[in-house]
Amino acid sequence: MADIDIKVRLAAFKWLEEQCPIYGETLPRRVLEQGFIFQAQRIHLIGPQGIFIPKGLTIPLSINTSPKSPYADQETPDGYLLYKYRGEDPLHRENEGLRQAMCQRKPLIYLLGVTPGKYIARWPVFIDEADSVRLTFKIDIGKSDQNKIAEASFPYGVGALSGEDAKRQYLMVQTRYRLHQQRFRENVL
């Protein structure tokens, strides 16, 4: 199962890289809902809830903040996202899934809704802390670097990919700007 999990994440990252030149910085929700085909199975990147676990996986692949989110997710000046738990039950299966992602250093996709139906995708993002008192995850969204990427676990390898090749798949070109600037831009346009 761990081997499939890693392969799905790498395939999702590659698919997102292919979509950005087509759609630009903001991806339509319908495209994220449709997702891509992996080993004859459709993998969706977003669902009706903020923490999304695709069929066949046990750990979330993506998290999102919708434009009209009832949660008070907020970006910090030092490149973190304070992402609220689902509901108020720290033991909810989706919150538990994010804790597993944190403990196993699984990379996630963060989808920020900038206007209804449009999202900015950021990947890989990593959960650094879980605060069950404040019901918040601290997620590194702005300072992922090679050291963070190297922390991602590859306990079983990824089939044809060696650990080093898989880590290279996580490397992304980083542009430093506030995510909410794009929301403002979309609203103006």
N, C-alpha and C. Protein backbone atom coordinates (compact mmCIF):
# COMPACT_ATOMS: atom_id res chain seq x y z
N MET A 1 0.83 -1.20 0.00
CA MET A 1 0.00 0.00 0.00
C MET A 1 0.87 1.26 0.00
N ALA A 2 1.98 1.23 0.77
CA ALA A 2 2.86 2.40 0.82
C ALA A 2 3.45 2.69 -0.55
N ASP A 3 3.78 1.64 -1.30
CA ASP A 3 4.33 1.82 -2.63
C ASP A 3 3.33 2.53 -3.54
N ILE A 4 2.07 2.14 -3.48
CA ILE A 4 1.02 2.77 -4.29
C ILE A 4 0.84 4.23 -3.85
N ASP A 5 0.84 4.48 -2.55
CA ASP A 5 0.68 5.83 -2.03
C ASP A 5 1.72 6.77 -2.62
N ILE A 6 2.97 6.37 -2.60
CA ILE A 6 4.05 7.21 -3.13
C ILE A 6 3.89 7.41 -4.63
N LYS A 7 3.55 6.35 -5.34
CA LYS A 7 3.38 6.46 -6.79
C LYS A 7 2.23 7.39 -7.15
N VAL A 8 1.13 7.33 -6.38
CA VAL A 8 -0.01 8.22 -6.64
C VAL A 8 0.40 9.67 -6.41
N ARG A 9 1.14 9.93 -5.32
CA ARG A 9 1.58 11.30 -5.04
C ARG A 9 2.48 11.83 -6.15
N LEU A 10 3.42 11.03 -6.58
CA LEU A 10 4.32 11.46 -7.66
C LEU A 10 3.54 11.70 -8.95
N ALA A 11 2.59 10.82 -9.24
CA ALA A 11 1.77 10.99 -10.45
C ALA A 11 0.92 12.26 -10.35
N ALA A 12 0.40 12.55 -9.16
CA ALA A 12 -0.40 13.77 -8.97
C ALA A 12 0.45 15.01 -9.16
N PHE A 13 1.67 15.00 -8.63
CA PHE A 13 2.56 16.15 -8.80
C PHE A 13 2.89 16.36 -10.28
N LYS A 14 3.17 15.27 -10.97
CA LYS A 14 3.49 15.37 -12.40
C LYS A 14 2.28 15.90 -13.18
N TRP A 15 1.09 15.40 -12.85
CA TRP A 15 -0.13 15.84 -13.52
C TRP A 15 -0.36 17.33 -13.29
N LEU A 16 -0.14 17.80 -12.06
CA LEU A 16 -0.29 19.23 -11.78
C LEU A 16 0.70 20.06 -12.59
N GLU A 17 1.93 19.58 -12.70
CA GLU A 17 2.93 20.28 -13.52
C GLU A 17 2.45 20.41 -14.96
N GLU A 18 1.77 19.40 -15.46
CA GLU A 18 1.27 19.43 -16.84
C GLU A 18 0.07 20.35 -17.00
N GLN A 19 -0.74 20.52 -15.95
CA GLN A 19 -1.94 21.35 -16.03
C GLN A 19 -1.63 22.85 -15.94
N CYS A 20 -0.61 23.21 -15.20
CA CYS A 20 -0.31 24.64 -15.01
C CYS A 20 -0.02 25.38 -16.32
N PRO A 21 0.75 24.81 -17.26
CA PRO A 21 0.92 25.53 -18.53
C PRO A 21 -0.38 25.67 -19.33
N ILE A 22 -1.30 24.76 -19.13
CA ILE A 22 -2.58 24.81 -19.85
C ILE A 22 -3.51 25.86 -19.25
N TYR A 23 -3.63 25.88 -17.93
CA TYR A 23 -4.61 26.73 -17.26
C TYR A 23 -4.02 27.95 -16.57
N GLY A 24 -2.71 28.02 -16.46
CA GLY A 24 -2.10 29.13 -15.73
C GLY A 24 -2.04 28.81 -14.25
N GLU A 25 -1.93 29.87 -13.45
CA GLU A 25 -1.78 29.68 -12.00
C GLU A 25 -3.04 29.22 -11.31
N THR A 26 -4.21 29.51 -11.89
CA THR A 26 -5.45 29.10 -11.25
C THR A 26 -6.09 27.96 -12.04
N LEU A 27 -6.28 26.85 -11.35
CA LEU A 27 -6.85 25.66 -11.98
C LEU A 27 -8.35 25.61 -11.70
N PRO A 28 -9.14 25.28 -12.72
CA PRO A 28 -10.58 25.15 -12.50
C PRO A 28 -10.90 23.97 -11.59
N ARG A 29 -11.87 24.15 -10.73
CA ARG A 29 -12.27 23.06 -9.83
C ARG A 29 -12.67 21.82 -10.61
N ARG A 30 -13.36 22.00 -11.73
CA ARG A 30 -13.81 20.84 -12.52
C ARG A 30 -12.63 19.99 -12.98
N VAL A 31 -11.50 20.62 -13.27
CA VAL A 31 -10.29 19.89 -13.69
C VAL A 31 -9.73 19.10 -12.50
N LEU A 32 -9.71 19.74 -11.33
CA LEU A 32 -9.22 19.07 -10.13
C LEU A 32 -10.16 17.92 -9.72
N GLU A 33 -11.47 18.13 -9.90
CA GLU A 33 -12.43 17.07 -9.60
C GLU A 33 -12.27 15.89 -10.56
N GLN A 34 -12.02 16.19 -11.82
CA GLN A 34 -11.84 15.13 -12.81
C GLN A 34 -10.55 14.36 -12.55
N GLY A 35 -9.48 15.07 -12.21
CA GLY A 35 -8.22 14.41 -11.89
C GLY A 35 -7.59 13.71 -13.07
N PHE A 36 -6.96 12.56 -12.80
CA PHE A 36 -6.20 11.85 -13.82
C PHE A 36 -6.36 10.35 -13.62
N ILE A 37 -5.94 9.60 -14.60
CA ILE A 37 -6.02 8.14 -14.53
C ILE A 37 -4.67 7.61 -14.06
N PHE A 38 -4.73 6.74 -13.06
CA PHE A 38 -3.54 6.09 -12.53
C PHE A 38 -3.85 4.60 -12.41
N GLN A 39 -3.11 3.78 -13.13
CA GLN A 39 -3.30 2.33 -13.13
C GLN A 39 -4.78 1.97 -13.31
N ALA A 40 -5.38 2.54 -14.32
CA ALA A 40 -6.77 2.29 -14.73
C ALA A 40 -7.80 2.76 -13.70
N GLN A 41 -7.40 3.60 -12.77
CA GLN A 41 -8.33 4.16 -11.78
C GLN A 41 -8.23 5.68 -11.81
N ARG A 42 -9.38 6.34 -11.75
CA ARG A 42 -9.39 7.80 -11.74
C ARG A 42 -9.03 8.29 -10.34
N ILE A 43 -8.07 9.21 -10.29
CA ILE A 43 -7.65 9.82 -9.03
C ILE A 43 -8.11 11.28 -9.05
N HIS A 44 -9.02 11.61 -8.16
CA HIS A 44 -9.50 12.98 -8.02
C HIS A 44 -8.57 13.72 -7.07
N LEU A 45 -8.41 15.03 -7.25
CA LEU A 45 -7.55 15.81 -6.37
C LEU A 45 -8.31 16.65 -5.36
N ILE A 46 -9.61 16.74 -5.52
CA ILE A 46 -10.42 17.56 -4.61
C ILE A 46 -11.78 16.91 -4.47
N GLY A 47 -12.38 17.09 -3.32
CA GLY A 47 -13.71 16.56 -3.07
C GLY A 47 -14.55 17.61 -2.38
N PRO A 48 -15.70 17.20 -1.84
CA PRO A 48 -16.57 18.18 -1.20
C PRO A 48 -16.03 18.72 0.12
N GLN A 49 -15.16 17.97 0.79
CA GLN A 49 -14.59 18.41 2.05
C GLN A 49 -13.18 18.94 1.83
N GLY A 50 -12.64 19.63 2.82
CA GLY A 50 -11.31 20.26 2.69
C GLY A 50 -10.15 19.28 2.73
N ILE A 51 -10.29 18.20 3.47
CA ILE A 51 -9.24 17.19 3.57
C ILE A 51 -9.68 16.04 2.68
N PHE A 52 -8.89 15.77 1.63
CA PHE A 52 -9.35 14.80 0.63
C PHE A 52 -8.45 13.56 0.57
N ILE A 53 -9.09 12.41 0.77
CA ILE A 53 -8.42 11.12 0.67
C ILE A 53 -9.01 10.39 -0.54
N PRO A 54 -8.25 10.24 -1.62
CA PRO A 54 -8.79 9.54 -2.78
C PRO A 54 -9.07 8.07 -2.47
N LYS A 55 -9.99 7.51 -3.20
CA LYS A 55 -10.32 6.10 -3.07
C LYS A 55 -9.04 5.27 -3.27
N GLY A 56 -8.84 4.34 -2.39
CA GLY A 56 -7.66 3.48 -2.49
C GLY A 56 -6.50 3.91 -1.62
N LEU A 57 -6.52 5.15 -1.12
CA LEU A 57 -5.46 5.62 -0.22
C LEU A 57 -6.02 5.73 1.20
N THR A 58 -5.13 5.73 2.17
CA THR A 58 -5.56 5.89 3.56
C THR A 58 -5.11 7.22 4.15
N ILE A 59 -4.17 7.88 3.49
CA ILE A 59 -3.65 9.16 3.95
C ILE A 59 -4.06 10.22 2.93
N PRO A 60 -4.51 11.40 3.40
CA PRO A 60 -4.95 12.44 2.47
C PRO A 60 -3.88 12.79 1.42
N LEU A 61 -4.36 13.11 0.23
CA LEU A 61 -3.50 13.57 -0.86
C LEU A 61 -3.51 15.09 -0.93
N SER A 62 -4.67 15.68 -0.62
CA SER A 62 -4.77 17.14 -0.75
C SER A 62 -5.61 17.72 0.39
N ILE A 63 -5.37 19.02 0.59
CA ILE A 63 -6.19 19.82 1.50
C ILE A 63 -6.55 21.08 0.73
N ASN A 64 -7.69 21.69 1.09
CA ASN A 64 -8.03 22.93 0.40
C ASN A 64 -8.71 23.90 1.33
N THR A 65 -8.59 25.15 0.96
CA THR A 65 -9.31 26.24 1.59
C THR A 65 -10.16 26.86 0.50
N SER A 66 -11.47 26.74 0.64
CA SER A 66 -12.35 27.29 -0.39
C SER A 66 -12.50 28.80 -0.18
N PRO A 67 -12.93 29.50 -1.22
CA PRO A 67 -13.08 30.96 -1.10
C PRO A 67 -14.07 31.37 -0.01
N LYS A 68 -15.06 30.53 0.25
CA LYS A 68 -16.07 30.84 1.27
C LYS A 68 -15.98 29.84 2.42
N SER A 69 -14.77 29.50 2.81
CA SER A 69 -14.54 28.50 3.85
C SER A 69 -15.10 28.95 5.19
N PRO A 70 -15.77 28.03 5.90
CA PRO A 70 -16.22 28.36 7.26
C PRO A 70 -15.08 28.28 8.28
N TYR A 71 -13.93 27.77 7.83
CA TYR A 71 -12.78 27.62 8.72
C TYR A 71 -11.88 28.85 8.63
N ALA A 72 -11.17 29.12 9.69
CA ALA A 72 -10.30 30.30 9.75
C ALA A 72 -8.86 29.92 9.44
N ASP A 73 -8.64 29.29 8.27
CA ASP A 73 -7.27 28.98 7.85
C ASP A 73 -6.55 30.29 7.59
N GLN A 74 -5.28 30.36 7.97
CA GLN A 74 -4.56 31.61 7.75
C GLN A 74 -3.09 31.36 7.47
N GLU A 75 -2.55 32.16 6.60
CA GLU A 75 -1.14 32.12 6.25
C GLU A 75 -0.37 32.98 7.24
N THR A 76 0.81 32.50 7.65
CA THR A 76 1.67 33.29 8.54
C THR A 76 2.76 33.96 7.71
N PRO A 77 3.35 35.04 8.22
CA PRO A 77 4.40 35.74 7.47
C PRO A 77 5.64 34.88 7.19
N ASP A 78 5.85 33.84 8.00
CA ASP A 78 7.05 33.02 7.81
C ASP A 78 6.83 31.77 6.95
N GLY A 79 5.77 31.76 6.13
CA GLY A 79 5.60 30.69 5.16
C GLY A 79 4.85 29.46 5.64
N TYR A 80 4.03 29.62 6.66
CA TYR A 80 3.23 28.51 7.15
C TYR A 80 1.75 28.80 6.95
N LEU A 81 0.99 27.72 6.90
CA LEU A 81 -0.46 27.81 6.87
C LEU A 81 -0.95 27.19 8.16
N LEU A 82 -1.80 27.90 8.88
CA LEU A 82 -2.47 27.34 10.05
C LEU A 82 -3.81 26.81 9.54
N TYR A 83 -3.87 25.50 9.37
CA TYR A 83 -5.01 24.84 8.74
C TYR A 83 -5.87 24.19 9.81
N LYS A 84 -7.13 24.56 9.86
CA LYS A 84 -8.04 24.07 10.89
C LYS A 84 -8.40 22.60 10.68
N TYR A 85 -8.56 21.89 11.79
CA TYR A 85 -9.03 20.51 11.77
C TYR A 85 -10.42 20.46 11.14
N ARG A 86 -10.79 19.30 10.68
CA ARG A 86 -12.18 19.11 10.24
C ARG A 86 -13.03 18.97 11.50
N GLY A 87 -13.96 19.87 11.66
CA GLY A 87 -14.84 19.83 12.83
C GLY A 87 -14.08 20.05 14.12
N GLU A 88 -14.64 19.56 15.21
CA GLU A 88 -14.03 19.76 16.52
C GLU A 88 -13.56 18.46 17.15
N ASP A 89 -13.62 17.38 16.41
CA ASP A 89 -13.18 16.08 16.92
C ASP A 89 -11.76 15.80 16.43
N PRO A 90 -10.76 15.90 17.33
CA PRO A 90 -9.39 15.64 16.90
C PRO A 90 -9.19 14.22 16.37
N LEU A 91 -10.11 13.30 16.74
CA LEU A 91 -9.98 11.90 16.31
C LEU A 91 -10.77 11.59 15.03
N HIS A 92 -11.36 12.61 14.42
CA HIS A 92 -12.05 12.39 13.15
C HIS A 92 -11.08 11.75 12.17
N ARG A 93 -11.55 10.82 11.34
CA ARG A 93 -10.65 10.06 10.47
C ARG A 93 -9.82 10.95 9.54
N GLU A 94 -10.36 12.08 9.09
CA GLU A 94 -9.59 12.96 8.22
C GLU A 94 -8.49 13.69 8.99
N ASN A 95 -8.78 14.08 10.24
CA ASN A 95 -7.74 14.68 11.08
C ASN A 95 -6.66 13.65 11.40
N GLU A 96 -7.09 12.43 11.67
CA GLU A 96 -6.13 11.34 11.92
C GLU A 96 -5.26 11.11 10.68
N GLY A 97 -5.88 11.18 9.50
CA GLY A 97 -5.13 11.01 8.26
C GLY A 97 -4.05 12.07 8.09
N LEU A 98 -4.37 13.32 8.44
CA LEU A 98 -3.36 14.38 8.35
C LEU A 98 -2.26 14.18 9.39
N ARG A 99 -2.62 13.66 10.57
CA ARG A 99 -1.58 13.35 11.56
C ARG A 99 -0.65 12.25 11.04
N GLN A 100 -1.21 11.25 10.36
CA GLN A 100 -0.38 10.21 9.75
C GLN A 100 0.54 10.80 8.69
N ALA A 101 0.00 11.72 7.89
CA ALA A 101 0.82 12.38 6.87
C ALA A 101 1.97 13.13 7.54
N MET A 102 1.70 13.76 8.66
CA MET A 102 2.74 14.48 9.39
C MET A 102 3.80 13.51 9.91
N CYS A 103 3.37 12.44 10.58
CA CYS A 103 4.31 11.49 11.18
C CYS A 103 5.15 10.77 10.13
N GLN A 104 4.56 10.49 8.97
CA GLN A 104 5.27 9.78 7.91
C GLN A 104 5.95 10.73 6.91
N ARG A 105 5.86 12.05 7.15
CA ARG A 105 6.43 13.07 6.27
C ARG A 105 5.94 12.91 4.83
N LYS A 106 4.64 12.65 4.67
CA LYS A 106 4.04 12.52 3.35
C LYS A 106 3.78 13.91 2.79
N PRO A 107 4.19 14.15 1.58
CA PRO A 107 3.90 15.45 0.95
C PRO A 107 2.43 15.51 0.53
N LEU A 108 1.87 16.71 0.63
CA LEU A 108 0.47 16.94 0.26
C LEU A 108 0.40 18.02 -0.82
N ILE A 109 -0.79 18.16 -1.35
CA ILE A 109 -1.11 19.25 -2.28
C ILE A 109 -2.03 20.20 -1.52
N TYR A 110 -1.70 21.49 -1.56
CA TYR A 110 -2.58 22.50 -0.96
C TYR A 110 -3.27 23.26 -2.08
N LEU A 111 -4.59 23.30 -2.02
CA LEU A 111 -5.40 23.99 -3.02
C LEU A 111 -6.08 25.18 -2.35
N LEU A 112 -5.69 26.37 -2.77
CA LEU A 112 -6.26 27.60 -2.22
C LEU A 112 -7.29 28.14 -3.19
N GLY A 113 -8.54 28.20 -2.76
CA GLY A 113 -9.59 28.78 -3.59
C GLY A 113 -9.45 30.28 -3.65
N VAL A 114 -9.25 30.81 -4.84
CA VAL A 114 -9.07 32.26 -4.98
C VAL A 114 -10.38 32.95 -5.37
N THR A 115 -11.21 32.26 -6.10
CA THR A 115 -12.57 32.69 -6.41
C THR A 115 -13.38 31.41 -6.53
N PRO A 116 -14.70 31.49 -6.49
CA PRO A 116 -15.47 30.25 -6.63
C PRO A 116 -15.09 29.51 -7.93
N GLY A 117 -14.69 28.26 -7.76
CA GLY A 117 -14.37 27.42 -8.91
C GLY A 117 -12.94 27.52 -9.41
N LYS A 118 -12.07 28.32 -8.78
CA LYS A 118 -10.68 28.46 -9.21
C LYS A 118 -9.74 28.30 -8.02
N TYR A 119 -8.69 27.50 -8.21
CA TYR A 119 -7.75 27.19 -7.14
C TYR A 119 -6.31 27.34 -7.59
N ILE A 120 -5.48 27.80 -6.67
CA ILE A 120 -4.04 27.76 -6.84
C ILE A 120 -3.56 26.48 -6.18
N ALA A 121 -2.74 25.71 -6.88
CA ALA A 121 -2.19 24.48 -6.32
C ALA A 121 -0.75 24.71 -5.90
N ARG A 122 -0.41 24.29 -4.69
CA ARG A 122 0.97 24.35 -4.18
C ARG A 122 1.35 22.96 -3.71
N TRP A 123 2.48 22.50 -4.17
CA TRP A 123 2.97 21.17 -3.80
C TRP A 123 4.46 21.14 -3.90
N PRO A 124 5.17 20.33 -3.20
CA PRO A 124 4.67 19.58 -2.04
C PRO A 124 4.62 20.49 -0.83
N VAL A 125 3.65 20.25 0.02
CA VAL A 125 3.59 20.92 1.31
C VAL A 125 3.65 19.84 2.38
N PHE A 126 4.21 20.19 3.53
CA PHE A 126 4.41 19.22 4.60
C PHE A 126 3.80 19.74 5.90
N ILE A 127 3.22 18.85 6.67
CA ILE A 127 2.68 19.21 7.98
C ILE A 127 3.81 19.12 8.99
N ASP A 128 4.04 20.21 9.71
CA ASP A 128 5.10 20.25 10.71
C ASP A 128 4.59 19.99 12.12
N GLU A 129 3.36 20.42 12.42
CA GLU A 129 2.84 20.27 13.78
C GLU A 129 1.33 20.06 13.74
N ALA A 130 0.83 19.39 14.78
CA ALA A 130 -0.61 19.26 14.99
C ALA A 130 -0.92 19.74 16.40
N ASP A 131 -1.85 20.68 16.53
CA ASP A 131 -2.22 21.24 17.82
C ASP A 131 -3.67 20.84 18.10
N SER A 132 -3.86 19.79 18.91
CA SER A 132 -5.22 19.29 19.18
C SER A 132 -5.99 20.18 20.15
N VAL A 133 -5.33 21.13 20.79
CA VAL A 133 -6.03 22.08 21.66
C VAL A 133 -6.64 23.19 20.79
N ARG A 134 -5.84 23.76 19.89
CA ARG A 134 -6.33 24.83 19.00
C ARG A 134 -6.97 24.26 17.73
N LEU A 135 -6.94 22.93 17.59
CA LEU A 135 -7.52 22.24 16.43
C LEU A 135 -6.93 22.78 15.12
N THR A 136 -5.60 22.84 15.08
CA THR A 136 -4.89 23.43 13.94
C THR A 136 -3.67 22.60 13.56
N PHE A 137 -3.46 22.45 12.26
CA PHE A 137 -2.22 21.88 11.73
C PHE A 137 -1.35 23.03 11.24
N LYS A 138 -0.06 22.96 11.51
CA LYS A 138 0.89 23.95 10.99
C LYS A 138 1.55 23.32 9.77
N ILE A 139 1.30 23.91 8.61
CA ILE A 139 1.73 23.34 7.34
C ILE A 139 2.73 24.26 6.66
N ASP A 140 3.85 23.69 6.28
CA ASP A 140 4.90 24.43 5.58
C ASP A 140 4.49 24.58 4.12
N ILE A 141 4.03 25.78 3.75
CA ILE A 141 3.61 26.03 2.36
C ILE A 141 4.55 26.95 1.60
N GLY A 142 5.44 27.63 2.32
CA GLY A 142 6.21 28.66 1.65
C GLY A 142 7.69 28.49 1.71
N LYS A 143 8.17 27.54 2.47
CA LYS A 143 9.61 27.44 2.58
C LYS A 143 10.11 26.03 2.31
N SER A 144 9.35 25.26 1.54
CA SER A 144 9.81 23.93 1.16
C SER A 144 11.10 24.08 0.37
N ASP A 145 12.10 23.37 0.79
CA ASP A 145 13.38 23.42 0.11
C ASP A 145 13.93 22.00 0.04
N GLN A 146 15.13 21.86 -0.46
CA GLN A 146 15.69 20.53 -0.63
C GLN A 146 15.78 19.78 0.69
N ASN A 147 16.07 20.47 1.80
CA ASN A 147 16.15 19.79 3.08
C ASN A 147 14.78 19.24 3.49
N LYS A 148 13.72 20.02 3.28
CA LYS A 148 12.39 19.53 3.59
C LYS A 148 12.03 18.35 2.71
N ILE A 149 12.33 18.47 1.42
CA ILE A 149 12.01 17.40 0.48
C ILE A 149 12.75 16.13 0.89
N ALA A 150 13.99 16.28 1.29
CA ALA A 150 14.79 15.12 1.67
C ALA A 150 14.22 14.43 2.91
N GLU A 151 13.42 15.13 3.70
CA GLU A 151 12.82 14.52 4.87
C GLU A 151 11.67 13.59 4.51
N ALA A 152 11.12 13.72 3.31
CA ALA A 152 10.00 12.86 2.92
C ALA A 152 10.44 11.41 2.98
N SER A 153 9.57 10.57 3.51
CA SER A 153 9.96 9.17 3.70
C SER A 153 9.66 8.34 2.46
N PHE A 154 10.56 7.46 2.14
CA PHE A 154 10.39 6.51 1.06
C PHE A 154 10.73 5.13 1.61
N PRO A 155 9.94 4.60 2.58
CA PRO A 155 10.34 3.40 3.27
C PRO A 155 10.40 2.16 2.39
N TYR A 156 9.61 2.11 1.32
CA TYR A 156 9.58 0.92 0.49
C TYR A 156 10.07 1.18 -0.93
N GLY A 157 10.64 2.36 -1.17
CA GLY A 157 11.04 2.71 -2.53
C GLY A 157 9.81 3.03 -3.35
N VAL A 158 9.99 3.30 -4.60
CA VAL A 158 8.85 3.58 -5.48
C VAL A 158 9.02 2.82 -6.79
N GLY A 159 9.12 1.52 -6.68
CA GLY A 159 9.20 0.69 -7.87
C GLY A 159 10.45 0.99 -8.66
N ALA A 160 10.26 1.48 -9.88
CA ALA A 160 11.38 1.74 -10.77
C ALA A 160 12.18 2.97 -10.33
N LEU A 161 11.57 3.81 -9.48
CA LEU A 161 12.28 5.01 -9.03
C LEU A 161 13.11 4.69 -7.80
N SER A 162 14.38 5.09 -7.83
CA SER A 162 15.18 4.98 -6.61
C SER A 162 14.75 6.08 -5.67
N GLY A 163 15.15 6.02 -4.42
CA GLY A 163 14.81 7.06 -3.45
C GLY A 163 15.24 8.44 -3.91
N GLU A 164 16.44 8.55 -4.50
CA GLU A 164 16.93 9.85 -4.96
C GLU A 164 16.11 10.36 -6.14
N ASP A 165 15.75 9.45 -7.08
CA ASP A 165 14.93 9.88 -8.21
C ASP A 165 13.56 10.35 -7.74
N ALA A 166 12.99 9.64 -6.77
CA ALA A 166 11.68 10.04 -6.25
C ALA A 166 11.76 11.39 -5.57
N LYS A 167 12.82 11.63 -4.81
CA LYS A 167 12.98 12.93 -4.15
C LYS A 167 13.10 14.04 -5.18
N ARG A 168 13.81 13.78 -6.27
CA ARG A 168 13.93 14.79 -7.33
C ARG A 168 12.57 15.11 -7.93
N GLN A 169 11.67 14.13 -7.97
CA GLN A 169 10.34 14.37 -8.50
C GLN A 169 9.59 15.40 -7.67
N TYR A 170 9.93 15.53 -6.37
CA TYR A 170 9.26 16.47 -5.49
C TYR A 170 9.77 17.89 -5.67
N LEU A 171 10.94 18.07 -6.25
CA LEU A 171 11.51 19.41 -6.37
C LEU A 171 10.67 20.25 -7.32
N MET A 172 10.41 21.48 -6.93
CA MET A 172 9.61 22.38 -7.74
C MET A 172 10.33 23.72 -7.84
N VAL A 173 10.05 24.45 -8.90
CA VAL A 173 10.53 25.82 -8.99
C VAL A 173 9.67 26.64 -8.04
N GLN A 174 10.28 27.40 -7.15
CA GLN A 174 9.55 28.15 -6.15
C GLN A 174 9.48 29.62 -6.54
N THR A 175 8.30 30.20 -6.47
CA THR A 175 8.12 31.63 -6.62
C THR A 175 7.60 32.12 -5.28
N ARG A 176 8.24 33.12 -4.72
CA ARG A 176 7.87 33.59 -3.38
C ARG A 176 6.90 34.75 -3.50
N TYR A 177 5.64 34.52 -3.15
CA TYR A 177 4.66 35.58 -3.04
C TYR A 177 3.53 35.08 -2.16
N ARG A 178 2.75 35.97 -1.65
CA ARG A 178 1.65 35.57 -0.79
C ARG A 178 0.55 34.94 -1.63
N LEU A 179 0.04 33.81 -1.14
CA LEU A 179 -1.01 33.11 -1.88
C LEU A 179 -2.26 33.96 -2.06
N HIS A 180 -2.57 34.79 -1.10
CA HIS A 180 -3.79 35.57 -1.18
C HIS A 180 -3.70 36.71 -2.19
N GLN A 181 -2.49 37.03 -2.69
CA GLN A 181 -2.38 38.03 -3.74
C GLN A 181 -3.11 37.56 -5.00
N GLN A 182 -3.05 36.26 -5.28
CA GLN A 182 -3.74 35.73 -6.46
C GLN A 182 -5.25 35.83 -6.29
N ARG A 183 -5.76 35.62 -5.08
CA ARG A 183 -7.20 35.76 -4.83
C ARG A 183 -7.62 37.21 -5.14
N PHE A 184 -6.83 38.18 -4.69
CA PHE A 184 -7.13 39.59 -4.95
C PHE A 184 -7.12 39.84 -6.45
N ARG A 185 -6.11 39.32 -7.15
CA ARG A 185 -5.99 39.51 -8.59
C ARG A 185 -7.22 38.95 -9.31
N GLU A 186 -7.65 37.73 -8.94
CA GLU A 186 -8.82 37.11 -9.58
C GLU A 186 -10.07 37.95 -9.33
N ASN A 187 -10.22 38.46 -8.12
CA ASN A 187 -11.40 39.27 -7.82
C ASN A 187 -11.43 40.55 -8.64
N VAL A 188 -10.26 41.19 -8.80
CA VAL A 188 -10.17 42.41 -9.60
C VAL A 188 -10.51 42.12 -11.05
N LEU A 189 -9.96 41.03 -11.60
CA LEU A 189 -10.23 40.70 -12.99
C LEU A 189 -11.67 40.31 -13.19
